[in-house]
């Protein structure tokens, strides 16, 4: 059914009480769950058939996990007969692998399909899988330094720390970034052990902006060996940073809980994560990167367009699915659920519960066109 604007507002109120209680504890972060991201003024409508029934099986991106939990609760308030199983333990890499094997109806991934994966997906999807943006957030640089709650780091310093070229918190480069010396102490970096779209987005930034320091290629697998604590999943990274001392890692902002995150120096200004700052990044630097499959909406970032108002390490996460399903009933389920996710209301639900930034109207409208073609 097509929800009227009045009905949508009523659903927002119901969803807010339902999903805030269920998901604020999941993120563990008052800052993330209570993000200042305001609802968009857009009204990209969505359609839900309350008579739908069946099961959607999906998984992948741990960055999407809080949003997926909120989306599921909100969707099920209208479509009570639909079961949505989203496995966040797989990470983006595992999600894509399972999608390509036919085990998932859609994969959550913080990186779009590459050329080889797109070719592989033709066996499953005929024309190939499509990448549909569903979630906009940022990669947070999280730290646990005794006595330190405010940390500023330039891109160059971040690259040197994670490349193991800076190994102590009293390093002159860190002192320069902060205007004061931090207590001496060994640095332990924490990274993902599994194939990760968060790693992909972080290394995209490092490779594009700090190529003289970060000489490893961008990718889903962490490339640095040595004094690195490798952990599975974003939650594993967060827990290892929290449990350690002198630790630093990276994770989707919605997953960091009560850990502190560094402000990143861009054009002389220390930029903290906010929904507004990451939205500014998307508007300034996101460019089309379609795989060539009809309806594909993959994006990439032109980091040369970053400014002092943009958060430097954005993260766009996707639902990767087919536009042609072998089972028409399954196609309708996926079409309906992702239609809600990429509606104005769906984006407000994610913003409220995961601290993400609502995607721009133009992206939501393009997603609606892609989803309309699913059969």
Protein backbone atom coordinates (compact mmCIF):
# COMPACT_ATOMS: atom_id res chain seq x y z
CA UNK A 1 0.00 0.00 0.00
CA UNK A 2 1.08 3.56 -0.55
CA UNK A 3 1.43 5.41 2.72
CA UNK A 4 0.16 8.98 2.85
CA UNK A 5 2.34 11.66 4.40
CA UNK A 6 0.08 11.63 7.48
CA UNK A 7 0.42 7.87 7.77
CA UNK A 8 4.18 8.14 7.38
CA UNK A 9 4.36 10.63 10.24
CA UNK A 10 2.31 8.32 12.41
CA UNK A 11 4.61 5.45 11.53
CA UNK A 12 7.65 7.61 12.38
CA UNK A 13 6.29 8.11 15.89
CA UNK A 14 5.57 4.41 16.32
CA UNK A 15 8.90 3.43 14.85
CA UNK A 16 10.78 5.88 17.06
CA UNK A 17 9.44 4.32 20.26
CA UNK A 18 9.92 0.81 18.91
CA UNK A 19 13.36 1.05 17.39
CA UNK A 20 15.04 3.48 19.76
CA UNK A 21 14.42 1.13 22.66
CA UNK A 22 15.62 -1.84 20.63
CA UNK A 23 18.65 -0.35 18.96
CA UNK A 24 20.14 2.38 21.14
CA UNK A 25 21.68 -0.30 23.30
CA UNK A 26 22.96 -2.09 20.22
CA UNK A 27 25.12 0.82 19.17
CA UNK A 28 26.19 1.45 22.72
CA UNK A 29 26.68 5.09 21.93
CA UNK A 30 24.51 7.88 23.17
CA UNK A 31 26.15 10.08 20.56
CA UNK A 32 25.35 7.75 17.70
CA UNK A 33 21.86 6.83 18.76
CA UNK A 34 21.00 10.42 19.54
CA UNK A 35 22.70 11.90 16.51
CA UNK A 36 21.79 15.42 15.55
CA UNK A 37 20.95 14.26 12.05
CA UNK A 38 17.61 15.83 11.32
CA UNK A 39 14.94 14.18 9.17
CA UNK A 40 15.21 15.16 5.57
CA UNK A 41 12.62 17.45 4.06
CA UNK A 42 12.21 15.02 1.19
CA UNK A 43 9.27 12.69 0.75
CA UNK A 44 10.46 9.74 -1.31
CA UNK A 45 7.48 7.48 -0.68
CA UNK A 46 7.54 3.75 -0.17
CA UNK A 47 5.00 1.00 -0.65
CA UNK A 48 4.42 -1.89 1.74
CA UNK A 49 1.96 -4.69 1.16
CA UNK A 50 0.93 -5.79 4.69
CA UNK A 51 -0.13 -9.15 3.26
CA UNK A 52 3.38 -10.10 2.18
CA UNK A 53 4.85 -13.16 3.84
CA UNK A 54 8.07 -15.08 3.55
CA UNK A 55 11.72 -14.89 4.55
CA UNK A 56 14.52 -12.65 3.32
CA UNK A 57 18.01 -14.02 3.91
CA UNK A 58 20.85 -11.52 3.77
CA UNK A 59 24.04 -10.52 5.50
CA UNK A 60 27.39 -8.85 5.23
CA UNK A 61 28.39 -5.36 6.31
CA UNK A 62 28.71 -5.02 10.07
CA UNK A 63 28.57 -1.25 9.54
CA UNK A 64 24.93 -1.65 8.51
CA UNK A 65 24.02 -3.82 11.50
CA UNK A 66 22.40 -1.17 13.71
CA UNK A 67 20.52 0.29 10.77
CA UNK A 68 19.41 -3.17 9.60
CA UNK A 69 18.04 -3.95 13.07
CA UNK A 70 16.08 -0.70 13.07
CA UNK A 71 14.87 -1.14 9.48
CA UNK A 72 13.70 -4.68 10.26
CA UNK A 73 11.73 -3.58 13.33
CA UNK A 74 10.15 -0.69 11.45
CA UNK A 75 9.30 -2.76 8.38
CA UNK A 76 7.80 -5.55 10.47
CA UNK A 77 5.49 -3.02 12.13
CA UNK A 78 3.69 -2.99 8.76
CA UNK A 79 4.60 -6.36 7.20
CA UNK A 80 4.30 -8.73 10.13
CA UNK A 81 4.45 -11.84 7.98
CA UNK A 82 7.93 -11.17 6.61
CA UNK A 83 10.98 -12.54 8.43
CA UNK A 84 14.25 -10.73 7.71
CA UNK A 85 17.45 -12.53 8.67
CA UNK A 86 20.52 -10.29 8.36
CA UNK A 87 23.82 -11.86 9.46
CA UNK A 88 26.28 -9.10 10.39
CA UNK A 89 28.99 -11.59 11.37
CA UNK A 90 29.96 -12.17 7.74
CA UNK A 91 31.39 -8.72 7.06
CA UNK A 92 31.15 -7.19 3.60
CA UNK A 93 33.48 -9.77 2.07
CA UNK A 94 31.50 -12.73 3.40
CA UNK A 95 28.25 -11.07 2.44
CA UNK A 96 29.33 -10.70 -1.19
CA UNK A 97 30.66 -14.27 -1.27
CA UNK A 98 27.37 -15.65 0.03
CA UNK A 99 25.36 -13.51 -2.38
CA UNK A 100 27.39 -14.72 -5.35
CA UNK A 101 26.87 -18.33 -4.23
CA UNK A 102 23.10 -17.80 -4.22
CA UNK A 103 22.77 -18.11 -0.42
CA UNK A 104 21.62 -14.50 0.10
CA UNK A 105 18.81 -12.49 -1.42
CA UNK A 106 21.00 -9.43 -1.00
CA UNK A 107 24.40 -8.64 0.42
CA UNK A 108 25.20 -5.71 2.65
CA UNK A 109 28.56 -4.34 1.55
CA UNK A 110 30.55 -1.19 2.23
CA UNK A 111 32.09 -1.50 -1.22
CA UNK A 112 30.37 -2.15 -4.55
CA UNK A 113 31.02 -5.26 -6.62
CA UNK A 114 34.29 -5.08 -8.50
CA UNK A 115 34.59 -6.03 -12.16
CA UNK A 116 35.31 -9.71 -11.50
CA UNK A 117 32.47 -10.00 -8.99
CA UNK A 118 30.08 -8.28 -11.38
CA UNK A 119 30.98 -10.86 -14.03
CA UNK A 120 30.48 -13.68 -11.53
CA UNK A 121 27.07 -12.29 -10.60
CA UNK A 122 25.81 -12.77 -14.17
CA UNK A 123 25.40 -16.49 -13.43
CA UNK A 124 22.98 -15.57 -10.66
CA UNK A 125 21.38 -12.38 -11.92
CA UNK A 126 21.48 -12.73 -15.74
CA UNK A 127 22.51 -9.11 -16.34
CA UNK A 128 24.64 -8.91 -13.21
CA UNK A 129 24.13 -7.68 -9.66
CA UNK A 130 23.32 -4.06 -8.89
CA UNK A 131 24.81 -1.92 -6.12
CA UNK A 132 22.15 0.19 -4.40
CA UNK A 133 23.32 2.76 -1.80
CA UNK A 134 21.36 2.32 1.43
CA UNK A 135 23.53 3.82 4.18
CA UNK A 136 25.81 6.84 4.55
CA UNK A 137 28.16 7.16 7.50
CA UNK A 138 31.84 7.66 8.26
CA UNK A 139 34.85 5.60 9.31
CA UNK A 140 35.79 6.68 12.82
CA UNK A 141 39.38 6.61 14.07
CA UNK A 142 38.87 5.29 17.59
CA UNK A 143 41.44 5.38 20.38
CA UNK A 144 42.00 4.46 24.01
CA UNK A 145 44.80 6.52 25.53
CA UNK A 146 44.84 6.88 29.33
CA UNK A 147 43.96 10.45 30.27
CA UNK A 148 43.23 11.55 26.70
CA UNK A 149 39.71 12.23 25.45
CA UNK A 150 40.40 14.76 22.69
CA UNK A 151 42.68 13.80 19.82
CA UNK A 152 43.39 15.52 16.53
CA UNK A 153 45.21 13.72 13.73
CA UNK A 154 46.14 14.80 10.21
CA UNK A 155 45.75 12.38 7.34
CA UNK A 156 49.52 12.03 7.12
CA UNK A 157 49.82 11.19 10.82
CA UNK A 158 47.01 8.63 10.56
CA UNK A 159 48.75 7.00 7.61
CA UNK A 160 52.07 6.86 9.45
CA UNK A 161 50.47 5.38 12.57
CA UNK A 162 48.67 2.62 10.68
CA UNK A 163 51.73 1.98 8.49
CA UNK A 164 53.67 1.48 11.77
CA UNK A 165 56.00 4.40 11.02
CA UNK A 166 54.84 6.24 14.15
CA UNK A 167 54.91 3.93 17.16
CA UNK A 168 54.68 6.17 20.25
CA UNK A 169 52.03 8.68 21.31
CA UNK A 170 54.70 11.26 22.14
CA UNK A 171 55.84 11.42 18.49
CA UNK A 172 56.47 14.99 17.29
CA UNK A 173 53.91 14.62 14.48
CA UNK A 174 51.16 13.87 17.01
CA UNK A 175 52.33 16.75 19.18
CA UNK A 176 52.14 19.08 16.16
CA UNK A 177 48.60 17.97 15.31
CA UNK A 178 47.40 18.56 18.88
CA UNK A 179 49.44 21.61 19.90
CA UNK A 180 50.61 19.76 23.00
CA UNK A 181 52.54 16.60 23.79
CA UNK A 182 50.66 13.44 24.68
CA UNK A 183 52.01 11.09 27.37
CA UNK A 184 54.66 8.73 26.03
CA UNK A 185 53.45 5.21 25.41
CA UNK A 186 53.52 2.52 22.75
CA UNK A 187 50.87 2.59 20.04
CA UNK A 188 49.02 -0.60 19.18
CA UNK A 189 47.00 -0.48 15.98
CA UNK A 190 43.84 -2.57 15.68
CA UNK A 191 42.54 -3.66 12.27
CA UNK A 192 40.08 -6.10 10.72
CA UNK A 193 41.12 -9.71 10.18
CA UNK A 194 38.24 -10.44 7.79
CA UNK A 195 37.43 -9.04 4.38
CA UNK A 196 35.87 -5.71 5.21
CA UNK A 197 34.22 -2.87 3.35
CA UNK A 198 35.15 -0.60 6.25
CA UNK A 199 38.78 -1.50 5.56
CA UNK A 200 38.14 -0.78 1.87
CA UNK A 201 36.79 2.70 2.62
CA UNK A 202 39.59 3.51 5.07
CA UNK A 203 42.33 2.35 2.73
CA UNK A 204 40.65 4.17 -0.18
CA UNK A 205 41.18 7.37 1.79
CA UNK A 206 44.76 6.53 2.78
CA UNK A 207 45.83 5.46 -0.71
CA UNK A 208 44.21 8.48 -2.37
CA UNK A 209 45.36 11.20 0.04
CA UNK A 210 48.63 9.89 1.53
CA UNK A 211 50.26 7.93 -1.28
CA UNK A 212 53.79 8.95 -0.29
CA UNK A 213 53.28 7.28 3.11
CA UNK A 214 50.62 4.67 2.43
CA UNK A 215 52.12 2.58 -0.35
CA UNK A 216 49.81 -0.42 0.05
CA UNK A 217 46.88 -0.76 -2.36
CA UNK A 218 43.36 -0.02 -1.20
CA UNK A 219 41.35 -3.16 -0.57
CA UNK A 220 39.09 -5.16 1.74
CA UNK A 221 42.00 -6.99 3.40
CA UNK A 222 44.25 -5.19 5.87
CA UNK A 223 47.70 -5.10 4.26
CA UNK A 224 50.01 -4.28 7.20
CA UNK A 225 51.70 -6.98 9.28
CA UNK A 226 53.63 -6.53 12.52
CA UNK A 227 52.40 -4.91 15.71
CA UNK A 228 48.78 -5.08 14.61
CA UNK A 229 45.95 -6.63 16.58
CA UNK A 230 43.65 -8.13 13.95
CA UNK A 231 40.04 -8.70 14.94
CA UNK A 232 36.99 -10.10 13.19
CA UNK A 233 34.17 -7.68 12.56
CA UNK A 234 33.74 -4.07 13.49
CA UNK A 235 32.66 -5.12 16.98
CA UNK A 236 35.91 -7.04 17.36
CA UNK A 237 37.94 -3.93 16.54
CA UNK A 238 35.89 -1.81 18.93
CA UNK A 239 36.24 -4.29 21.79
CA UNK A 240 40.00 -4.67 21.26
CA UNK A 241 40.54 -0.90 21.30
CA UNK A 242 38.39 -0.58 24.41
CA UNK A 243 40.17 -3.42 26.21
CA UNK A 244 43.66 -2.17 25.38
CA UNK A 245 45.78 0.80 26.39
CA UNK A 246 47.41 3.05 23.83
CA UNK A 247 45.27 1.43 21.16
CA UNK A 248 43.93 2.94 17.95
CA UNK A 249 41.66 1.42 15.33
CA UNK A 250 38.95 2.16 12.79
CA UNK A 251 35.25 1.30 12.66
CA UNK A 252 31.96 2.52 11.31
CA UNK A 253 30.90 5.43 13.50
CA UNK A 254 27.61 3.82 14.50
CA UNK A 255 29.48 0.91 16.12
CA UNK A 256 31.95 2.73 18.36
CA UNK A 257 29.86 2.87 21.51
CA UNK A 258 31.36 5.11 24.19
CA UNK A 259 34.86 5.11 22.70
CA UNK A 260 36.40 8.42 21.73
CA UNK A 261 37.04 9.19 18.06
CA UNK A 262 39.73 11.48 16.69
CA UNK A 263 38.93 14.65 14.80
CA UNK A 264 40.66 14.53 11.43
CA UNK A 265 42.59 17.58 10.28
CA UNK A 266 41.50 18.68 6.81
CA UNK A 267 42.73 21.94 5.27
CA UNK A 268 43.92 23.09 8.68
CA UNK A 269 40.64 22.37 10.46
CA UNK A 270 40.01 19.46 12.82
CA UNK A 271 36.76 17.89 11.61
CA UNK A 272 34.83 15.63 13.97
CA UNK A 273 32.32 13.14 12.60
CA UNK A 274 28.79 14.44 12.24
CA UNK A 275 25.93 13.55 9.94
CA UNK A 276 26.13 17.07 8.53
CA UNK A 277 29.86 16.77 7.79
CA UNK A 278 29.56 13.41 6.05
CA UNK A 279 26.58 14.68 4.03
CA UNK A 280 28.77 17.59 2.94
CA UNK A 281 31.40 15.06 1.87
CA UNK A 282 28.90 13.15 -0.24
CA UNK A 283 27.60 16.31 -1.89
CA UNK A 284 31.10 17.60 -2.64
CA UNK A 285 33.00 14.46 -3.55
CA UNK A 286 30.76 11.51 -4.48
CA UNK A 287 30.85 10.66 -8.18
CA UNK A 288 29.15 7.94 -10.19
CA UNK A 289 31.09 4.69 -10.60
CA UNK A 290 28.53 2.45 -12.28
CA UNK A 291 29.62 -1.06 -13.18
CA UNK A 292 27.69 -0.78 -16.43
CA UNK A 293 24.85 -3.03 -15.30
CA UNK A 294 21.48 -1.37 -15.91
CA UNK A 295 20.29 0.24 -12.68
CA UNK A 296 23.66 0.09 -10.94
CA UNK A 297 24.26 3.01 -8.55
CA UNK A 298 27.83 2.48 -7.34
CA UNK A 299 29.70 5.56 -6.14
CA UNK A 300 33.29 6.53 -5.47
CA UNK A 301 34.82 9.57 -3.79
CA UNK A 302 37.08 12.19 -5.33
CA UNK A 303 39.14 13.02 -2.24
CA UNK A 304 40.69 16.03 -3.95
CA UNK A 305 37.34 17.75 -3.37
CA UNK A 306 37.47 17.49 0.42
CA UNK A 307 37.21 20.80 2.29
CA UNK A 308 37.40 22.03 5.88
CA UNK A 309 33.64 21.39 6.14
CA UNK A 310 33.73 17.75 5.03
CA UNK A 311 34.41 14.65 7.09
CA UNK A 312 37.41 13.11 5.30
CA UNK A 313 36.62 9.38 5.59
CA UNK A 314 33.06 8.78 4.38
CA UNK A 315 31.46 5.37 4.08
CA UNK A 316 28.70 4.49 1.65
CA UNK A 317 27.22 1.04 2.14
CA UNK A 318 25.17 -0.89 -0.38
CA UNK A 319 22.52 -3.52 -0.76
CA UNK A 320 23.74 -5.73 -3.61
CA UNK A 321 21.00 -7.72 -5.28
CA UNK A 322 19.63 -8.98 -8.57
CA UNK A 323 17.06 -7.26 -10.74
CA UNK A 324 15.92 -10.67 -12.01
CA UNK A 325 15.03 -13.37 -9.48
CA UNK A 326 14.23 -17.01 -10.21
CA UNK A 327 11.34 -16.74 -7.75
CA UNK A 328 8.89 -13.87 -8.38
CA UNK A 329 7.61 -14.00 -4.79
CA UNK A 330 11.14 -13.57 -3.45
CA UNK A 331 11.65 -10.66 -5.82
CA UNK A 332 8.60 -8.92 -4.37
CA UNK A 333 9.86 -9.38 -0.81
CA UNK A 334 13.29 -7.92 -1.56
CA UNK A 335 11.78 -5.13 -3.65
CA UNK A 336 9.44 -4.16 -0.83
CA UNK A 337 12.01 -4.27 1.99
CA UNK A 338 14.70 -2.37 0.10
CA UNK A 339 12.03 0.06 -1.09
CA UNK A 340 11.37 0.92 2.56
CA UNK A 341 15.09 1.12 3.38
CA UNK A 342 15.66 3.63 0.57
CA UNK A 343 12.59 5.73 1.33
CA UNK A 344 12.73 9.01 3.23
CA UNK A 345 11.23 7.30 6.27
CA UNK A 346 13.72 4.43 6.09
CA UNK A 347 16.60 6.87 6.03
CA UNK A 348 15.17 8.74 9.02
CA UNK A 349 14.94 5.46 10.93
CA UNK A 350 18.63 4.75 10.24
CA UNK A 351 19.65 8.30 11.17
CA UNK A 352 17.81 8.09 14.47
CA UNK A 353 19.06 4.66 15.46
CA UNK A 354 22.51 4.37 13.89
CA UNK A 355 23.62 8.02 13.72
CA UNK A 356 23.94 7.80 9.94
CA UNK A 357 23.23 10.57 7.46
CA UNK A 358 20.15 10.32 5.24
CA UNK A 359 21.11 9.77 1.62
CA UNK A 360 20.30 12.65 -0.77
CA UNK A 361 16.94 12.69 -2.54
CA UNK A 362 18.58 12.11 -5.91
CA UNK A 363 20.06 8.82 -4.69
CA UNK A 364 16.78 7.67 -3.15
CA UNK A 365 14.90 8.48 -6.34
CA UNK A 366 17.45 6.58 -8.44
CA UNK A 367 17.18 3.63 -6.04
CA UNK A 368 13.41 3.64 -6.48
CA UNK A 369 13.87 3.37 -10.25
CA UNK A 370 16.28 0.45 -9.90
CA UNK A 371 14.00 -1.36 -7.47
CA UNK A 372 10.99 -0.83 -9.72
CA UNK A 373 12.74 -2.94 -12.36
CA UNK A 374 13.17 -5.95 -10.07
CA UNK A 375 11.19 -8.94 -11.23
